[in-house]
Amino acid sequence: MRARGEFDRVKPVTVRDYVEVSKPRIVVVLVVTAIASLLAATRFDSTPAIAWDVSAWQIGFLTLAGALASMGASALNHYYDRDIDRIMHRTAKRPIPDGRLSAKTVFAYGFTLCTLSILIAFFTLNPVATGMIAIGILFYVIIYTAWLKRINASNIVIGGFAGSAASMAGWATATGSIDLLGFLVGWLVFMWTPPHFWCLAIRAREEYASVNVPMLPVLIGNQRTASYIMINTAILLPYSVALAFFGLGLLYTAVAAVSGSLMLAYHYKLTKNPTPEFAWKAYKVTAPYLVVIFIALALDALFYYPLMPPFSIHLLPVIG
């Protein structure tokens, strides 16, 4: 017997339903991350360096390809998780379990957008940027959603590389490759994702437990998860500031120090009060971190003031 909403649409379809399965907030964050990385990389892609020396073509097609990739991957996530979404109160009103969109429709929508994103990137950007967009889709849809999410507590840790791929795609759009600094900048997303998401996981611990999804709080409890969050953030803060050694300037470093310290303060408070209510507050307060730090990264290229001579090692290509 088919579950309600699995294949057959039983309610009128609206544009809002397609927007919901596209997860627009994630789209905005990833597009900002990619464009900011593109702008930041312009200071390293030529000699002499000319900040923000990019064309509307690059910005426009990176935005389009990145947005379609994020929207498509999110829709495929909705498709794959439709069985557990139906059970959890937080997700029960999503379009598939609520019967507003059929599972087949969401799959076709997601697969089409992912394919279009790769084709657009291939014909308008460059092979390395295209490859990173494809890797981002692969990590989110296959490695995180279909493989690790339901079997291993490291799901969000490894799956977080999907966000790093967006940053690296932006960097590669400007430079045609990913040098060490481009990789390290992208790694910021990888390091930020687990402590940020684990705050949400604490709030939704009981729901994840009800569907046997092994998020960290389900396996080790809220208190120990809060300690892991604190440790991860304590590593993220000096890591983000240390990028000044590789050529980033005063503006970026100041914003990284302030925003990272705010995250650290809230995550320290979470270790003292590891309740779902405070975890949700920490999640919302620290959510803007990624957008803020990447906007600072882009502005740092435009208003560059060096703190120290950069290591020349950052010019060595890692990919490309």
Protein backbone atom coordinates (compact mmCIF):
# COMPACT_ATOMS: atom_id res chain seq x y z
CA MET A 1 0.00 0.00 0.00
CA ARG A 2 1.44 3.36 -1.00
CA ALA A 3 1.91 6.00 1.65
CA ARG A 4 -0.03 9.19 1.17
CA GLY A 5 1.87 11.67 -0.93
CA GLU A 6 4.44 9.11 -2.11
CA PHE A 7 3.50 9.13 -5.77
CA ASP A 8 0.14 10.80 -6.22
CA ARG A 9 -0.54 14.49 -5.81
CA VAL A 10 -3.63 14.98 -3.67
CA LYS A 11 -3.45 18.73 -3.11
CA PRO A 12 -3.11 21.69 -5.51
CA VAL A 13 0.49 22.46 -6.49
CA THR A 14 1.82 25.97 -5.92
CA VAL A 15 5.11 27.68 -6.72
CA ARG A 16 5.71 27.82 -2.97
CA ASP A 17 5.92 24.03 -2.88
CA TYR A 18 8.75 24.01 -5.43
CA VAL A 19 10.46 26.80 -3.52
CA GLU A 20 10.22 24.77 -0.32
CA VAL A 21 11.83 21.64 -1.76
CA SER A 22 14.59 23.88 -3.16
CA LYS A 23 15.57 25.06 0.36
CA PRO A 24 16.07 28.74 -0.61
CA ARG A 25 17.99 29.70 2.53
CA ILE A 26 20.67 27.13 1.72
CA VAL A 27 20.72 28.38 -1.89
CA VAL A 28 21.37 31.94 -0.74
CA VAL A 29 24.17 30.92 1.63
CA LEU A 30 25.94 28.78 -0.97
CA VAL A 31 25.60 31.35 -3.75
CA VAL A 32 26.96 34.10 -1.48
CA THR A 33 29.82 31.78 -0.53
CA ALA A 34 30.64 31.05 -4.17
CA ILE A 35 30.44 34.68 -5.37
CA ALA A 36 32.45 35.94 -2.38
CA SER A 37 35.15 33.36 -3.12
CA LEU A 38 35.17 34.44 -6.77
CA LEU A 39 35.68 38.07 -5.79
CA ALA A 40 38.31 37.23 -3.19
CA ALA A 41 40.27 35.10 -5.65
CA THR A 42 40.65 37.99 -8.11
CA ARG A 43 43.45 39.38 -5.94
CA PHE A 44 45.46 36.22 -6.59
CA ASP A 45 44.70 35.42 -10.23
CA SER A 46 46.99 37.92 -11.94
CA THR A 47 50.05 40.10 -11.50
CA PRO A 48 49.60 42.91 -10.71
CA ALA A 49 46.55 41.98 -8.67
CA ILE A 50 43.31 43.71 -9.63
CA ALA A 51 40.60 43.18 -7.06
CA TRP A 52 37.13 42.26 -8.28
CA ASP A 53 38.30 42.09 -11.89
CA VAL A 54 35.50 39.79 -13.01
CA SER A 55 32.92 39.91 -15.74
CA ALA A 56 29.17 39.96 -15.36
CA TRP A 57 29.27 36.72 -17.37
CA GLN A 58 31.29 34.96 -14.65
CA ILE A 59 29.15 36.26 -11.80
CA GLY A 60 25.88 35.58 -13.60
CA PHE A 61 26.61 32.03 -14.70
CA LEU A 62 28.29 31.07 -11.44
CA THR A 63 25.18 32.31 -9.64
CA LEU A 64 22.89 30.43 -12.01
CA ALA A 65 24.84 27.17 -11.99
CA GLY A 66 25.38 27.30 -8.23
CA ALA A 67 21.74 28.09 -7.47
CA LEU A 68 20.45 25.32 -9.73
CA ALA A 69 22.89 22.83 -8.19
CA SER A 70 21.79 23.72 -4.65
CA MET A 71 18.09 23.69 -5.56
CA GLY A 72 18.36 20.38 -7.37
CA ALA A 73 20.38 18.68 -4.64
CA SER A 74 17.94 19.93 -2.00
CA ALA A 75 14.99 18.56 -3.97
CA LEU A 76 16.69 15.17 -4.25
CA ASN A 77 17.25 15.30 -0.49
CA HIS A 78 13.49 15.84 -0.04
CA TYR A 79 12.83 12.91 -2.38
CA TYR A 80 15.15 10.50 -0.59
CA ASP A 81 14.07 11.50 2.93
CA ARG A 82 10.34 11.40 2.23
CA ASP A 83 9.84 8.31 4.40
CA ILE A 84 11.37 9.77 7.56
CA ASP A 85 10.02 13.26 6.83
CA ARG A 86 6.52 11.81 7.15
CA ILE A 87 7.26 10.65 10.70
CA MET A 88 9.07 13.66 12.16
CA HIS A 89 6.87 16.52 13.34
CA ARG A 90 9.39 19.12 12.10
CA THR A 91 9.20 17.84 8.52
CA ALA A 92 5.74 16.27 8.25
CA LYS A 93 4.34 19.29 6.42
CA ARG A 94 6.94 19.26 3.68
CA PRO A 95 5.45 19.00 0.17
CA ILE A 96 5.94 15.26 -0.40
CA PRO A 97 4.71 13.88 2.96
CA ASP A 98 1.88 16.43 3.00
CA GLY A 99 0.76 15.31 -0.46
CA ARG A 100 1.31 18.63 -2.25
CA LEU A 101 3.94 17.22 -4.63
CA SER A 102 4.46 13.65 -5.77
CA ALA A 103 7.78 11.95 -5.12
CA LYS A 104 8.29 11.34 -8.85
CA THR A 105 7.74 15.02 -9.60
CA VAL A 106 10.28 16.13 -6.98
CA PHE A 107 12.83 13.61 -8.23
CA ALA A 108 12.43 14.78 -11.84
CA TYR A 109 12.65 18.42 -10.73
CA GLY A 110 15.81 17.83 -8.67
CA PHE A 111 17.56 15.66 -11.26
CA THR A 112 16.79 18.16 -14.04
CA LEU A 113 18.15 21.12 -12.08
CA CYS A 114 21.33 19.26 -11.12
CA THR A 115 21.92 18.27 -14.74
CA LEU A 116 21.28 21.80 -15.99
CA SER A 117 23.67 23.25 -13.42
CA ILE A 118 26.54 21.04 -14.58
CA LEU A 119 25.83 21.70 -18.26
CA ILE A 120 25.64 25.47 -17.73
CA ALA A 121 28.88 25.46 -15.74
CA PHE A 122 30.64 23.31 -18.35
CA PHE A 123 29.77 25.65 -21.22
CA THR A 124 30.18 28.98 -19.40
CA LEU A 125 32.78 28.61 -16.63
CA ASN A 126 35.77 26.23 -16.68
CA PRO A 127 36.41 22.52 -16.06
CA VAL A 128 37.63 22.93 -12.47
CA ALA A 129 34.66 25.07 -11.42
CA THR A 130 32.32 22.61 -13.14
CA GLY A 131 33.98 19.71 -11.36
CA MET A 132 33.56 21.37 -7.96
CA ILE A 133 29.86 22.01 -8.61
CA ALA A 134 29.43 18.36 -9.55
CA ILE A 135 31.34 17.27 -6.44
CA GLY A 136 29.10 19.46 -4.29
CA ILE A 137 26.01 17.71 -5.68
CA LEU A 138 27.66 14.30 -5.22
CA PHE A 139 28.56 14.94 -1.58
CA TYR A 140 25.15 16.27 -0.59
CA VAL A 141 22.93 13.84 -2.49
CA ILE A 142 24.93 10.60 -2.53
CA ILE A 143 27.53 10.71 0.23
CA TYR A 144 25.49 12.58 2.87
CA THR A 145 21.81 11.94 2.09
CA ALA A 146 21.80 8.47 0.54
CA TRP A 147 24.80 6.92 2.29
CA LEU A 148 26.01 8.37 5.60
CA LYS A 149 22.99 10.14 7.07
CA ARG A 150 21.26 6.97 8.25
CA ILE A 151 24.26 4.84 9.18
CA ASN A 152 27.05 6.94 10.68
CA ALA A 153 27.41 9.84 13.11
CA SER A 154 30.06 11.36 10.86
CA ASN A 155 27.31 12.06 8.30
CA ILE A 156 27.27 15.84 8.62
CA VAL A 157 31.05 16.04 9.09
CA ILE A 158 31.87 14.42 5.76
CA GLY A 159 28.76 15.73 4.05
CA GLY A 160 29.80 19.26 4.97
CA PHE A 161 32.27 19.20 2.09
CA ALA A 162 29.32 19.94 -0.20
CA GLY A 163 29.43 23.52 1.08
CA SER A 164 33.19 23.69 0.66
CA ALA A 165 32.74 22.74 -2.98
CA ALA A 166 30.62 25.87 -3.55
CA SER A 167 33.45 28.08 -2.28
CA MET A 168 36.02 26.22 -4.35
CA ALA A 169 33.84 26.53 -7.45
CA GLY A 170 33.85 30.29 -6.99
CA TRP A 171 37.60 30.39 -6.48
CA ALA A 172 38.19 28.24 -9.56
CA THR A 173 35.91 30.47 -11.66
CA ALA A 174 38.38 33.31 -11.14
CA THR A 175 41.67 31.40 -11.25
CA GLY A 176 40.95 28.31 -13.33
CA SER A 177 42.38 26.19 -10.51
CA ILE A 178 42.29 25.75 -6.76
CA ASP A 179 45.53 26.76 -5.07
CA LEU A 180 46.26 26.14 -1.42
CA LEU A 181 44.56 29.32 -0.23
CA GLY A 182 41.46 28.54 -2.29
CA PHE A 183 41.32 25.11 -0.67
CA LEU A 184 41.83 26.53 2.85
CA VAL A 185 39.10 29.13 2.32
CA GLY A 186 36.72 26.40 1.19
CA TRP A 187 37.68 24.36 4.23
CA LEU A 188 36.15 27.08 6.41
CA VAL A 189 32.73 25.81 5.34
CA PHE A 190 33.69 22.23 6.15
CA MET A 191 34.78 23.24 9.67
CA TRP A 192 31.76 25.45 10.35
CA THR A 193 29.07 22.99 9.26
CA PRO A 194 29.26 20.29 12.00
CA PRO A 195 29.12 22.54 15.08
CA HIS A 196 26.41 24.63 13.47
CA PHE A 197 24.27 21.65 12.45
CA TRP A 198 24.78 19.77 15.71
CA CYS A 199 22.98 22.63 17.48
CA LEU A 200 19.94 21.87 15.33
CA ALA A 201 20.45 18.16 15.98
CA ILE A 202 20.26 18.74 19.74
CA ARG A 203 16.94 20.52 19.29
CA ALA A 204 15.61 17.72 17.05
CA ARG A 205 17.24 14.86 18.96
CA GLU A 206 14.03 13.02 19.81
CA GLU A 207 12.76 13.24 16.26
CA TYR A 208 16.00 11.89 14.81
CA ALA A 209 15.90 9.09 17.36
CA SER A 210 12.33 8.23 16.33
CA VAL A 211 13.48 7.49 12.78
CA ASN A 212 16.82 5.89 13.76
CA VAL A 213 19.00 8.58 12.20
CA PRO A 214 22.30 8.47 14.13
CA MET A 215 22.92 12.16 14.61
CA LEU A 216 25.53 12.81 17.27
CA PRO A 217 23.13 13.84 20.09
CA VAL A 218 21.12 10.65 19.55
CA LEU A 219 24.23 8.53 20.13
CA ILE A 220 26.09 10.39 22.87
CA GLY A 221 23.58 12.81 24.38
CA ASN A 222 23.27 16.59 24.48
CA GLN A 223 26.04 17.28 27.00
CA ARG A 224 28.79 15.45 25.14
CA THR A 225 27.57 16.81 21.82
CA ALA A 226 27.82 20.33 23.24
CA SER A 227 31.42 19.56 24.18
CA TYR A 228 32.14 18.42 20.62
CA ILE A 229 30.54 21.61 19.31
CA MET A 230 32.74 23.67 21.64
CA ILE A 231 35.91 21.83 20.58
CA ASN A 232 35.11 22.23 16.87
CA THR A 233 34.49 25.95 17.29
CA ALA A 234 37.67 26.33 19.35
CA ILE A 235 39.54 24.90 16.36
CA LEU A 236 37.61 26.94 13.78
CA LEU A 237 38.40 30.31 15.38
CA PRO A 238 42.23 30.16 15.25
CA TYR A 239 42.07 28.39 11.89
CA SER A 240 40.04 31.21 10.35
CA VAL A 241 42.35 33.89 11.75
CA ALA A 242 45.47 31.99 10.66
CA LEU A 243 44.49 32.46 7.00
CA ALA A 244 46.11 35.89 7.35
CA PHE A 245 49.42 34.03 7.00
CA PHE A 246 48.39 33.06 3.48
CA GLY A 247 47.65 36.54 2.22
CA LEU A 248 44.30 37.63 3.64
CA GLY A 249 44.16 41.09 5.13
CA LEU A 250 43.06 43.11 8.12
CA LEU A 251 39.35 43.40 7.30
CA TYR A 252 38.86 39.65 6.90
CA THR A 253 40.96 38.83 9.95
CA ALA A 254 39.09 41.27 12.19
CA VAL A 255 35.69 39.95 11.11
CA ALA A 256 36.87 36.34 11.48
CA ALA A 257 38.09 37.05 14.99
CA VAL A 258 34.91 38.82 16.12
CA SER A 259 32.39 36.47 14.50
CA GLY A 260 34.34 33.39 15.55
CA SER A 261 34.53 34.65 19.12
CA LEU A 262 30.76 35.13 19.14
CA MET A 263 30.27 31.54 18.01
CA LEU A 264 32.71 30.34 20.63
CA ALA A 265 30.92 32.27 23.38
CA TYR A 266 27.52 30.81 22.51
CA HIS A 267 28.89 27.32 22.16
CA TYR A 268 30.63 27.63 25.52
CA LYS A 269 27.29 28.66 27.04
CA LEU A 270 25.75 25.62 25.35
CA THR A 271 28.12 23.33 27.28
CA LYS A 272 26.70 24.84 30.48
CA ASN A 273 23.11 24.66 29.28
CA PRO A 274 22.79 21.88 26.67
CA THR A 275 19.03 22.12 26.34
CA PRO A 276 17.09 22.01 23.06
CA GLU A 277 15.92 25.58 23.68
CA PHE A 278 19.41 27.04 24.07
CA ALA A 279 20.78 24.90 21.24
CA TRP A 280 18.13 26.42 18.97
CA LYS A 281 19.15 29.90 20.11
CA ALA A 282 22.81 29.13 19.43
CA TYR A 283 21.86 27.73 16.02
CA LYS A 284 20.05 30.93 15.03
CA VAL A 285 22.65 33.31 16.44
CA THR A 286 25.58 31.60 14.75
CA ALA A 287 23.79 30.84 11.45
CA PRO A 288 24.89 34.13 9.79
CA TYR A 289 28.58 33.37 10.48
CA LEU A 290 29.29 31.89 7.07
CA VAL A 291 27.66 34.70 5.08
CA VAL A 292 29.33 37.36 7.24
CA ILE A 293 32.81 35.90 7.01
CA PHE A 294 32.62 35.33 3.25
CA ILE A 295 31.33 38.83 2.58
CA ALA A 296 34.28 40.05 4.65
CA LEU A 297 36.53 37.84 2.52
CA ALA A 298 35.28 39.51 -0.65
CA LEU A 299 35.55 43.03 0.77
CA ASP A 300 39.04 42.23 2.06
CA ALA A 301 40.20 41.84 -1.54
CA LEU A 302 38.78 45.25 -2.43
CA PHE A 303 40.06 47.07 0.67
CA TYR A 304 43.18 45.03 1.24
CA TYR A 305 45.54 45.96 4.05
CA PRO A 306 48.22 43.33 4.73
CA LEU A 307 48.94 42.10 8.23
CA MET A 308 52.07 40.18 7.27
CA PRO A 309 53.91 38.95 4.16
CA PRO A 310 51.97 36.00 2.74
CA PHE A 311 53.51 32.57 2.38
CA SER A 312 54.29 32.03 -1.30
CA ILE A 313 53.08 28.43 -0.85
CA HIS A 314 49.50 29.58 -1.39
CA LEU A 315 50.22 29.99 -5.09
CA LEU A 316 50.86 26.29 -5.62
CA PRO A 317 47.92 24.68 -7.42
CA VAL A 318 46.07 21.95 -5.55
CA ILE A 319 43.56 21.26 -8.34
CA GLY A 320 43.83 22.47 -11.90
